[in-house]
Protein backbone atom coordinates (compact mmCIF):
# COMPACT_ATOMS: atom_id res chain seq x y z
CA MET A 1 -164.32 -23.79 -280.14
CA SER A 2 -167.64 -23.97 -280.35
CA ASN A 3 -168.07 -27.44 -278.55
CA ILE A 4 -166.01 -26.32 -275.78
CA PRO A 5 -168.25 -25.33 -272.92
CA LYS A 6 -168.12 -21.78 -272.18
CA ASN A 7 -167.07 -21.98 -268.48
CA ILE A 8 -163.62 -23.75 -270.14
CA ARG A 9 -163.75 -20.90 -272.93
CA VAL A 10 -163.57 -18.28 -270.36
CA ARG A 11 -161.07 -19.81 -268.45
CA MET A 12 -158.79 -20.25 -271.43
CA TRP A 13 -159.16 -16.54 -272.68
CA GLY A 14 -158.16 -15.92 -268.95
CA PHE A 15 -155.09 -18.07 -269.46
CA ALA A 16 -154.03 -16.30 -272.47
CA CYS A 17 -154.50 -12.88 -271.37
CA ALA A 18 -152.36 -13.59 -268.08
CA ALA A 19 -149.89 -15.48 -270.04
CA LEU A 20 -149.72 -12.18 -272.66
CA LEU A 21 -149.69 -9.91 -269.82
CA LEU A 22 -146.53 -11.82 -268.47
CA ILE A 23 -144.84 -11.66 -271.63
CA LEU A 24 -144.85 -7.91 -271.88
CA ILE A 25 -143.81 -7.25 -268.16
CA SER A 26 -140.66 -9.75 -269.04
CA VAL A 27 -140.27 -7.83 -272.15
CA SER A 28 -140.53 -4.17 -270.36
CA TRP A 29 -137.94 -5.89 -267.21
CA LEU A 30 -135.31 -6.91 -270.16
CA ASN A 31 -135.23 -3.44 -271.68
CA ALA A 32 -134.95 -1.72 -268.62
CA PHE A 33 -131.94 -3.98 -267.33
CA ARG A 34 -130.42 -3.19 -270.93
CA ALA A 35 -130.75 0.50 -270.53
CA LYS A 36 -129.41 0.30 -266.84
CA ASP A 37 -126.56 -1.95 -268.47
CA ALA A 38 -125.91 0.35 -271.11
CA LYS A 39 -125.78 3.32 -268.96
CA THR A 40 -123.53 1.40 -266.17
CA ASN A 41 -121.28 1.18 -269.50
CA GLU A 42 -121.75 4.64 -270.40
CA GLU A 43 -120.50 5.67 -267.27
CA ILE A 44 -117.67 3.26 -266.82
CA GLU A 45 -116.31 4.42 -270.74
CA THR A 46 -116.87 8.42 -269.14
CA ALA A 47 -114.75 7.52 -265.88
CA GLU A 48 -112.16 5.77 -267.86
CA ALA A 49 -111.65 8.57 -270.55
CA PRO A 50 -108.52 10.43 -270.20
CA VAL A 51 -108.79 14.28 -268.88
CA PRO A 52 -108.60 16.32 -272.00
CA LEU A 53 -106.12 18.86 -273.22
CA LYS A 54 -107.16 21.99 -274.43
CA ILE A 55 -105.26 24.00 -276.86
CA ILE A 56 -105.61 27.92 -276.50
CA GLU A 57 -104.57 30.88 -278.59
CA THR A 58 -102.04 32.78 -276.24
CA PRO A 59 -101.11 35.90 -278.47
CA ALA A 60 -98.74 38.24 -277.06
CA THR A 61 -101.07 41.37 -278.25
CA GLU A 62 -104.29 42.63 -277.21
CA MET A 63 -103.16 42.33 -273.58
CA THR A 64 -106.14 43.38 -271.34
CA SER A 65 -106.24 44.06 -267.54
CA GLN A 66 -108.20 42.41 -264.70
CA ALA A 67 -110.79 44.76 -264.15
CA ASP A 68 -111.74 44.75 -268.11
CA ALA A 69 -113.82 41.72 -267.25
CA SER A 70 -118.14 42.47 -266.97
CA ARG A 71 -118.74 38.73 -267.09
CA GLU A 72 -116.84 35.04 -266.85
CA PRO A 73 -114.07 35.24 -269.53
CA SER A 74 -113.39 32.49 -272.05
CA LEU A 75 -110.48 30.52 -271.78
CA VAL A 76 -109.10 32.50 -274.82
CA GLU A 77 -109.74 36.14 -273.26
CA LEU A 78 -107.78 34.66 -270.08
CA ALA A 79 -104.90 33.81 -272.18
CA LYS A 80 -104.46 37.27 -273.71
CA ARG A 81 -104.35 38.68 -270.08
CA SER A 82 -101.00 39.93 -269.17
CA VAL A 83 -99.91 37.67 -266.04
CA ARG A 84 -98.93 39.82 -262.68
CA VAL A 85 -96.26 38.50 -260.64
CA LEU A 86 -95.68 40.10 -257.26
CA ILE A 87 -91.58 39.97 -257.04
CA ARG A 88 -90.82 39.35 -252.93
CA THR A 89 -87.53 39.80 -251.56
CA SER A 90 -84.67 38.03 -251.35
CA ARG A 91 -85.02 34.56 -250.25
CA PHE A 92 -88.80 35.27 -250.90
CA GLU A 93 -89.10 36.45 -247.26
CA ASN A 94 -91.27 39.41 -247.56
CA LEU A 95 -93.78 41.25 -250.62
CA PHE A 96 -92.33 44.51 -249.25
CA HIS A 97 -89.01 46.04 -250.20
CA LYS A 98 -87.06 48.78 -248.66
CA GLU A 99 -84.71 49.53 -251.58
CA LEU A 100 -84.28 48.47 -254.90
CA LEU A 101 -81.56 48.58 -257.57
CA ILE A 102 -82.31 48.36 -260.61
CA SER A 103 -80.60 47.92 -264.00
CA SER A 104 -81.06 46.45 -267.76
CA ASP A 105 -79.43 44.46 -270.54
CA GLN A 106 -80.10 47.32 -272.91
CA LYS A 107 -81.73 50.81 -272.85
CA TRP A 108 -84.68 51.11 -270.33
CA TYR A 109 -86.94 53.68 -269.01
CA LEU A 110 -88.10 54.80 -266.01
CA GLU A 111 -91.56 56.66 -265.53
CA TYR A 112 -93.45 58.63 -262.73
CA GLY A 113 -95.40 61.43 -262.21
CA GLU A 114 -99.46 61.86 -261.82
CA GLU A 115 -100.36 60.16 -265.06
CA GLN A 116 -96.72 58.57 -265.85
CA GLU A 117 -95.95 61.65 -268.24
CA LYS A 118 -92.45 61.91 -266.94
CA ARG A 119 -90.04 59.42 -268.56
CA GLU A 120 -86.14 59.20 -267.74
CA TRP A 121 -84.11 57.04 -269.97
CA HIS A 122 -81.30 55.01 -269.05
CA ASP A 123 -78.45 53.39 -270.78
CA ALA A 124 -77.69 49.46 -270.89
CA GLY A 125 -76.09 48.29 -267.20
CA GLU A 126 -76.39 51.63 -265.76
CA THR A 127 -77.80 51.21 -262.30
CA ILE A 128 -80.57 53.67 -260.26
CA TRP A 129 -81.30 53.15 -256.37
CA ILE A 130 -84.77 53.52 -255.90
CA THR A 131 -86.17 53.74 -251.94
CA GLU A 132 -89.57 55.03 -250.38
CA GLU A 133 -88.07 58.55 -249.97
CA SER A 134 -87.16 58.52 -253.71
CA MET A 135 -88.09 61.48 -255.72
CA PHE A 136 -90.11 59.62 -258.39
CA PHE A 137 -92.85 59.13 -255.40
CA SER A 138 -94.37 62.68 -255.24
CA ARG A 139 -97.66 63.29 -253.54
CA GLU A 140 -99.45 62.99 -256.77
CA SER A 141 -97.82 59.51 -257.35
CA SER A 142 -97.08 56.45 -255.66
CA CYS A 143 -96.33 54.05 -258.54
CA VAL A 144 -92.87 53.89 -261.12
CA GLN A 145 -93.23 51.99 -264.21
CA ILE A 146 -90.26 50.54 -265.54
CA GLY A 147 -89.25 48.80 -269.18
CA THR A 148 -86.83 48.45 -271.96
CA ALA A 149 -86.50 50.09 -275.44
CA GLU A 150 -87.02 46.58 -277.22
CA THR A 151 -89.53 43.94 -276.37
CA ASN A 152 -86.59 41.18 -275.26
CA GLY A 153 -85.03 43.26 -272.79
CA ARG A 154 -84.72 42.14 -269.05
CA ILE A 155 -84.96 44.58 -266.34
CA ILE A 156 -82.53 43.30 -263.25
CA LEU A 157 -83.08 43.60 -259.70
CA LYS A 158 -79.48 43.60 -258.38
CA ASN A 159 -80.05 43.47 -254.75
CA VAL A 160 -82.26 40.53 -254.92
CA GLU A 161 -80.78 37.33 -254.34
CA ARG A 162 -82.38 33.93 -256.18
CA GLU A 163 -80.28 30.93 -256.58
CA GLN A 164 -79.41 32.40 -260.23
CA GLY A 165 -77.81 35.24 -258.70
CA ALA A 166 -79.43 38.75 -259.13
CA PRO A 167 -83.23 37.55 -261.30
CA SER A 168 -84.07 39.74 -264.54
CA TYR A 169 -87.02 39.90 -265.95
CA ARG A 170 -89.12 39.92 -269.14
CA GLY A 171 -92.17 42.64 -269.84
CA THR A 172 -92.28 45.24 -267.25
CA LEU A 173 -91.88 46.51 -263.76
CA GLU A 174 -94.44 48.46 -261.65
CA ILE A 175 -93.23 49.61 -258.41
CA ARG A 176 -95.88 50.88 -255.71
CA LYS A 177 -95.02 52.56 -252.83
CA LEU A 178 -97.26 51.31 -249.79
CA SER A 179 -97.41 52.17 -246.05
CA ASP A 180 -95.13 48.71 -245.67
CA GLY A 181 -92.86 49.80 -248.09
CA MET A 182 -92.45 49.07 -251.80
CA MET A 183 -94.37 46.43 -254.14
CA VAL A 184 -92.78 45.50 -257.24
CA ILE A 185 -95.23 43.46 -259.80
CA ASN A 186 -94.06 41.96 -263.22
CA SER A 187 -96.10 42.24 -265.90
CA LEU A 188 -95.50 40.30 -268.97
CA GLY A 189 -97.53 37.55 -271.38
CA LEU A 190 -98.68 34.16 -270.28
CA GLU A 191 -96.32 32.48 -272.15
CA GLU A 192 -93.30 34.80 -271.28
CA TYR A 193 -94.29 33.90 -267.73
CA LEU A 194 -93.53 30.47 -268.42
CA HIS A 195 -89.73 30.48 -269.47
CA GLY A 196 -89.56 32.07 -265.65
CA VAL A 197 -91.57 29.02 -264.29
CA VAL A 198 -90.39 25.65 -266.00
CA PRO A 199 -86.66 25.93 -265.32
CA SER A 200 -87.34 27.08 -261.68
CA GLU A 201 -89.69 24.24 -260.76
CA MET A 202 -87.99 21.02 -262.55
CA PRO A 203 -84.06 20.93 -263.49
CA ALA A 204 -83.93 21.56 -267.14
CA SER A 205 -81.95 18.30 -267.36
CA TYR A 206 -85.41 16.51 -266.89
CA PRO A 207 -86.48 14.45 -270.07
CA ARG A 208 -88.32 16.68 -272.72
CA GLU A 209 -91.60 15.11 -272.20
CA ALA A 210 -91.44 15.78 -268.40
CA LEU A 211 -90.58 19.16 -268.99
CA LYS A 212 -93.26 19.36 -271.22
CA ALA A 213 -96.07 17.94 -268.33
CA GLN A 214 -94.70 20.55 -266.35
CA ALA A 215 -95.08 23.39 -268.92
CA ILE A 216 -98.43 22.46 -269.30
CA CYS A 217 -99.37 22.33 -265.22
CA ALA A 218 -97.70 25.34 -264.63
CA ARG A 219 -99.59 27.38 -267.87
CA THR A 220 -102.96 25.56 -266.27
CA TYR A 221 -102.06 26.67 -263.09
CA ALA A 222 -101.50 30.72 -264.37
CA VAL A 223 -104.39 30.44 -266.40
CA SER A 224 -106.79 29.22 -263.62
CA HIS A 225 -105.13 32.50 -261.51
CA LEU A 226 -105.92 34.97 -264.19
CA LEU A 227 -109.62 34.19 -263.34
CA THR A 228 -108.95 33.75 -259.57
CA PRO A 229 -105.93 36.28 -258.52
CA GLY A 230 -104.30 35.35 -255.49
CA TYR A 231 -103.80 39.14 -254.59
CA PRO A 232 -106.72 41.08 -255.63
CA ASP A 233 -106.11 43.92 -253.41
CA PHE A 234 -103.14 44.38 -254.89
CA ASN A 235 -104.24 43.70 -258.31
CA ALA A 236 -101.74 40.60 -258.46
CA HIS A 237 -102.58 37.18 -259.94
CA LEU A 238 -99.46 35.35 -257.83
CA ASP A 239 -96.47 36.10 -256.18
CA ASP A 240 -92.99 34.30 -257.34
CA SER A 241 -92.45 32.02 -254.42
CA THR A 242 -93.52 28.32 -254.08
CA ALA A 243 -96.85 29.59 -252.25
CA PHE A 244 -98.10 30.01 -256.07
CA GLN A 245 -95.22 28.64 -258.48
CA ALA A 246 -91.45 29.48 -258.17
CA TYR A 247 -90.60 32.11 -260.65
CA GLY A 248 -87.06 33.54 -261.49
CA ASN A 249 -85.36 31.31 -259.15
CA GLN A 250 -83.25 29.75 -262.07
CA PRO A 251 -82.20 31.54 -265.55
CA GLU A 252 -84.14 30.45 -268.51
CA GLN A 253 -82.78 27.38 -270.31
CA GLU A 254 -82.82 26.10 -273.96
CA ASN A 255 -84.81 22.80 -272.74
CA ALA A 256 -87.13 24.01 -270.62
CA SER A 257 -87.92 26.95 -273.32
CA ASN A 258 -88.44 24.26 -275.83
CA SER A 259 -90.88 22.35 -274.08
CA ILE A 260 -92.86 25.81 -273.64
CA GLU A 261 -92.82 26.45 -277.35
CA GLU A 262 -93.72 22.89 -277.97
CA THR A 263 -96.93 23.12 -275.57
CA LYS A 264 -98.06 26.49 -276.65
CA GLY A 265 -101.37 27.12 -275.32
CA MET A 266 -101.84 23.79 -274.16
CA VAL A 267 -103.81 23.63 -270.76
CA LEU A 268 -105.64 20.84 -268.88
CA LEU A 269 -109.25 20.82 -268.08
CA THR A 270 -111.68 18.02 -266.07
CA ARG A 271 -113.92 16.19 -268.01
CA GLU A 272 -116.57 18.96 -267.35
CA GLY A 273 -114.52 21.39 -269.39
CA VAL A 274 -113.17 23.39 -266.58
CA LEU A 275 -109.64 24.27 -265.78
CA ALA A 276 -108.17 21.13 -263.36
CA ASP A 277 -106.45 22.21 -260.59
CA THR A 278 -102.40 21.07 -261.59
CA PHE A 279 -100.77 20.87 -258.40
CA TYR A 280 -97.04 19.19 -258.68
CA TYR A 281 -94.38 18.36 -255.78
CA SER A 282 -91.32 17.36 -255.81
CA THR A 283 -91.33 13.06 -254.97
CA SER A 284 -94.19 10.97 -254.10
CA CYS A 285 -93.80 7.80 -251.39
CA GLY A 286 -95.76 5.82 -253.80
CA LYS A 287 -98.82 7.09 -252.40
CA GLY A 288 -100.50 10.46 -253.47
CA THR A 289 -102.99 12.60 -251.50
CA ASP A 290 -105.86 15.16 -252.27
CA VAL A 291 -106.34 18.84 -251.48
CA SER A 292 -108.23 17.79 -248.10
CA VAL A 293 -104.66 17.95 -246.88
CA TRP A 294 -104.71 21.51 -246.96
CA ASP A 295 -106.87 21.90 -244.06
CA ASP A 296 -109.83 24.47 -245.18
CA ALA A 297 -109.00 23.74 -249.25
CA GLY A 298 -111.48 20.44 -249.29
CA GLY A 299 -114.67 21.14 -251.92
CA LYS A 300 -113.26 24.06 -253.41
CA MET A 301 -110.48 22.76 -255.48
CA VAL A 302 -111.09 20.37 -258.63
CA ASN A 303 -108.31 17.24 -258.58
CA PRO A 304 -109.12 14.52 -260.73
CA PHE A 305 -106.29 12.74 -260.33
CA MET A 306 -106.42 11.10 -256.71
CA GLU A 307 -106.18 7.40 -256.35
CA ALA A 308 -104.83 6.96 -252.88
CA VAL A 309 -105.38 4.90 -249.32
CA ASP A 310 -105.79 6.29 -245.88
CA ASP A 311 -103.43 3.48 -244.15
CA PRO A 312 -99.86 4.73 -243.94
CA ASP A 313 -98.26 1.80 -242.49
CA PHE A 314 -96.82 1.14 -246.18
CA LEU A 315 -94.36 3.88 -245.47
CA LEU A 316 -92.91 0.39 -243.50
CA GLU A 317 -92.19 -1.02 -246.66
CA GLU A 318 -90.50 -0.33 -249.96
CA SER A 319 -92.18 -1.33 -253.62
CA ARG A 320 -89.95 -1.53 -256.55
CA GLU A 321 -93.11 -0.82 -258.67
CA ASP A 322 -93.07 2.44 -257.40
CA LEU A 323 -91.30 5.07 -259.58
CA GLU A 324 -89.06 7.40 -257.07
CA TYR A 325 -88.44 3.59 -255.70
CA GLU A 326 -84.65 4.48 -256.16
CA LEU A 327 -84.69 8.19 -255.26
CA PRO A 328 -83.17 9.18 -251.95
CA TRP A 329 -86.45 10.90 -250.89
CA TYR A 330 -88.54 7.78 -251.41
CA ARG A 331 -88.31 6.99 -247.66
CA TRP A 332 -86.57 9.01 -244.92
CA THR A 333 -86.37 9.04 -240.76
CA TYR A 334 -86.72 11.89 -238.69
CA GLU A 335 -85.44 11.47 -235.06
CA VAL A 336 -85.82 14.33 -232.70
CA GLN A 337 -84.17 12.56 -229.88
CA LYS A 338 -84.27 16.09 -227.15
CA LEU A 339 -87.30 18.04 -227.65
CA ASP A 340 -86.66 21.68 -227.04
CA LEU A 341 -90.28 22.48 -225.38
CA GLY A 342 -89.66 26.30 -225.32
CA ALA A 343 -88.59 26.27 -228.91
CA PHE A 344 -91.60 23.70 -229.58
CA GLU A 345 -94.06 26.03 -227.97
CA SER A 346 -92.59 29.34 -229.85
CA ARG A 347 -93.78 27.46 -233.00
CA LEU A 348 -96.85 26.13 -231.70
CA GLN A 349 -97.71 29.73 -230.47
CA ALA A 350 -96.98 31.25 -234.20
CA LEU A 351 -99.10 28.67 -235.66
CA MET A 352 -101.84 28.86 -233.79
CA GLU A 353 -102.44 32.76 -235.26
CA THR A 354 -103.31 34.17 -231.83
CA ASP A 355 -101.66 36.81 -229.75
CA GLU A 356 -103.26 35.39 -226.56
CA PRO A 357 -100.29 33.86 -224.67
CA PHE A 358 -100.31 30.41 -223.41
CA ARG A 359 -97.90 27.89 -221.98
CA ILE A 360 -97.25 24.02 -222.10
CA ASN A 361 -95.46 22.96 -219.16
CA ILE A 362 -95.75 19.08 -219.30
CA LEU A 363 -96.27 17.91 -222.99
CA HIS A 364 -97.98 14.17 -222.59
CA ASP A 365 -98.78 13.47 -226.15
CA LEU A 366 -98.49 13.70 -229.67
CA VAL A 367 -101.21 12.40 -231.70
CA VAL A 368 -101.90 12.28 -235.61
CA THR A 369 -105.97 12.16 -235.24
CA LYS A 370 -106.59 12.56 -238.90
CA ARG A 371 -105.21 11.84 -241.89
CA ALA A 372 -106.24 12.38 -245.85
CA LYS A 373 -106.05 10.16 -248.69
CA GLY A 374 -102.77 8.69 -249.03
CA GLY A 375 -101.70 8.28 -245.32
CA ALA A 376 -100.69 12.09 -244.82
CA ALA A 377 -101.37 13.63 -241.61
CA LYS A 378 -103.61 16.62 -241.69
CA GLU A 379 -104.49 17.02 -238.01
CA LEU A 380 -102.40 16.69 -235.09
CA ALA A 381 -103.56 16.78 -231.48
CA ILE A 382 -100.93 18.39 -228.83
CA ILE A 383 -101.89 16.93 -225.44
CA SER A 384 -100.29 18.85 -222.35
CA GLU A 385 -101.29 19.55 -218.79
CA GLU A 386 -102.82 22.92 -219.74
CA GLY A 387 -105.04 21.30 -222.32
CA THR A 388 -105.58 19.97 -226.13
CA TYR A 389 -104.43 22.13 -228.90
CA TRP A 390 -104.92 21.36 -232.30
CA ILE A 391 -102.87 21.87 -235.67
CA ARG A 392 -104.61 21.53 -238.58
CA GLY A 393 -103.41 21.38 -241.98
CA GLU A 394 -100.30 19.38 -243.61
CA ARG A 395 -97.77 22.44 -243.95
CA ARG A 396 -98.39 23.56 -240.20
CA ILE A 397 -97.73 20.33 -238.94
CA ARG A 398 -94.49 20.03 -240.82
CA GLU A 399 -93.64 23.07 -239.53
CA LEU A 400 -94.28 22.58 -236.16
CA LEU A 401 -92.54 19.10 -235.91
CA CYS A 402 -89.55 20.07 -237.75
CA ASP A 403 -87.07 21.82 -234.72
CA GLY A 404 -84.82 23.66 -237.38
CA LYS A 405 -81.41 21.15 -235.85
CA THR A 406 -82.43 17.85 -236.82
CA MET A 407 -81.07 16.22 -239.98
CA ALA A 408 -83.52 14.10 -242.02
CA LYS A 409 -81.82 10.30 -242.99
CA ARG A 410 -82.82 9.14 -246.86
CA LYS A 411 -83.32 5.97 -248.25
CA ASP A 412 -79.57 6.31 -249.22
CA GLY A 413 -77.77 7.13 -246.14
CA SER A 414 -77.17 10.91 -247.14
CA GLU A 415 -78.58 13.25 -244.62
CA SER A 416 -80.46 16.66 -245.46
CA PHE A 417 -81.07 19.67 -243.38
CA CYS A 418 -84.75 20.72 -243.01
CA SER A 419 -84.43 24.23 -241.90
CA LYS A 420 -88.56 24.80 -241.35
CA LEU A 421 -90.10 22.02 -243.03
CA LEU A 422 -90.48 18.21 -242.62
CA PRO A 423 -89.93 16.83 -246.12
CA SER A 424 -93.75 15.47 -246.25
CA ALA A 425 -96.71 14.95 -243.94
CA PHE A 426 -96.66 10.97 -245.14
CA PHE A 427 -94.76 9.78 -241.86
CA LEU A 428 -95.68 7.42 -238.86
CA MET A 429 -94.41 8.71 -235.65
CA GLU A 430 -93.24 6.75 -232.36
CA ILE A 431 -92.99 8.91 -229.01
CA GLY A 432 -90.41 8.80 -226.83
CA LYS A 433 -91.44 9.26 -223.17
CA LYS A 434 -89.77 10.02 -220.08
CA ASP A 435 -91.78 9.99 -216.41
CA GLY A 436 -94.77 10.38 -218.71
CA LYS A 437 -93.49 13.44 -220.71
CA VAL A 438 -92.85 13.52 -224.55
CA ALA A 439 -88.96 13.56 -224.50
CA GLY A 440 -88.96 13.45 -228.26
CA TYR A 441 -90.12 11.44 -231.46
CA ARG A 442 -89.07 9.84 -234.53
CA LEU A 443 -90.75 9.95 -237.70
CA THR A 444 -90.38 7.10 -240.74
CA GLY A 445 -91.74 9.01 -243.86
CA GLY A 446 -91.35 9.27 -247.39
CA GLY A 447 -91.95 11.72 -250.33
CA PHE A 448 -90.92 14.98 -250.41
CA GLY A 449 -93.81 17.77 -250.99
CA HIS A 450 -97.28 17.99 -250.38
CA GLY A 451 -98.46 14.99 -252.58
CA VAL A 452 -101.30 16.60 -254.09
CA GLY A 453 -100.89 16.30 -257.80
CA MET A 454 -97.98 15.47 -259.99
CA SER A 455 -94.63 14.24 -258.68
CA GLN A 456 -92.47 15.72 -260.86
CA ASN A 457 -89.83 12.86 -260.01
CA GLY A 458 -92.43 10.48 -261.00
CA ALA A 459 -92.83 12.17 -264.28
CA MET A 460 -89.19 12.21 -264.93
CA LYS A 461 -89.45 8.38 -264.57
CA MET A 462 -92.23 8.05 -266.85
CA ALA A 463 -90.73 9.69 -269.76
CA LEU A 464 -87.22 7.96 -269.19
CA GLN A 465 -89.83 4.92 -269.97
CA GLY A 466 -91.15 6.69 -272.95
CA ARG A 467 -94.32 8.14 -271.96
CA GLU A 468 -95.41 11.44 -273.41
CA ALA A 469 -96.15 14.47 -271.61
CA GLU A 470 -100.50 13.72 -272.58
CA ASP A 471 -100.06 10.33 -270.38
CA ILE A 472 -97.91 12.00 -267.82
């Protein structure tokens, strides 16, 4: 090196340092790319990880009230609480009862008084009639408690109509006299509650794995409402209608009861470890939707399952790959040949939720202006001579377009009467006009129900294919 001129040696050291710096930069870049790839792979693995099931203990003892919670309760604490269910009147029409005919399959009691200090016993089969003017509601007390001598007894509401006839209930009944009438609350354990839900929401003849999936969904839904009650003003978590979960509409069934026992304590969590929103409905059209279809529900609920498209043109075709392809409600049509504008206006008035009267003298058009994922209609514009009105939310749209007279024609050619709602909000609409006015409309649709969450008939088909409840 000493024989090399100094200026050459300086240049050589410069080149060497530059080369070394280039190597260091290359190694840093390579490590950064590897770290990025590792992170990407980790994200992919996390995204593809199954939604976890968690088992929580649900003993029938140590039941506590909602008011006992001074902090966010754990799942185990929630599962120990009684479920409080508002029992609606016949055909689920009202929350308030005017009269009640109460009996039991075994010896039962009725408690009343300022502090429920008075107890009156009745024999099995004996019926008591209670009205708002009953002696049990004194000035000091507006509450009556009813229970049975043994924990396996059933309390019967003989003048309440359900599909099974007069429903019977586990647990206890609380009857409260309010200004609008009597309110009935059934209080019972979480697992006991499910025995009235699962056969009311899914036919007990369905495969066991489908019933188990239904039990897990129903249990998760109930636990979430223990945390966030549906009727906080009445200290009740849910009611017994499909506004929450159908309960007591069908009698308990052995197959359903076994599915509840086999999944005891199992709830569905999101990957973040919180309770998933386990919604379900009857039959899909091959696509699902998300909670944004419920108007203002978007962003408030957790639903990790949805994968759908926005284009509803798929309803014009059928795919043998769809689970419910062979079922009647997979595709349907609904054609109102002659629009009754007066009845349409009345439905619109009710759905607008305003007392301000308005009229539609000329209806120019009906246009679906917004759709949720999967193509479900979630906003409908009613364009009239008097102005444009908007109805938002899939249920309101289904109610407005159902005239209560037209039959829906299903895929197999059979017809079904729609009294209050269209089968679903998955439809394409063709408007028939005369002299520039809407004369009628034809809907080409698919599926039955709101389309959010688990399709129950899809679950049935998956079970028949050999899939287990966890897969469903």
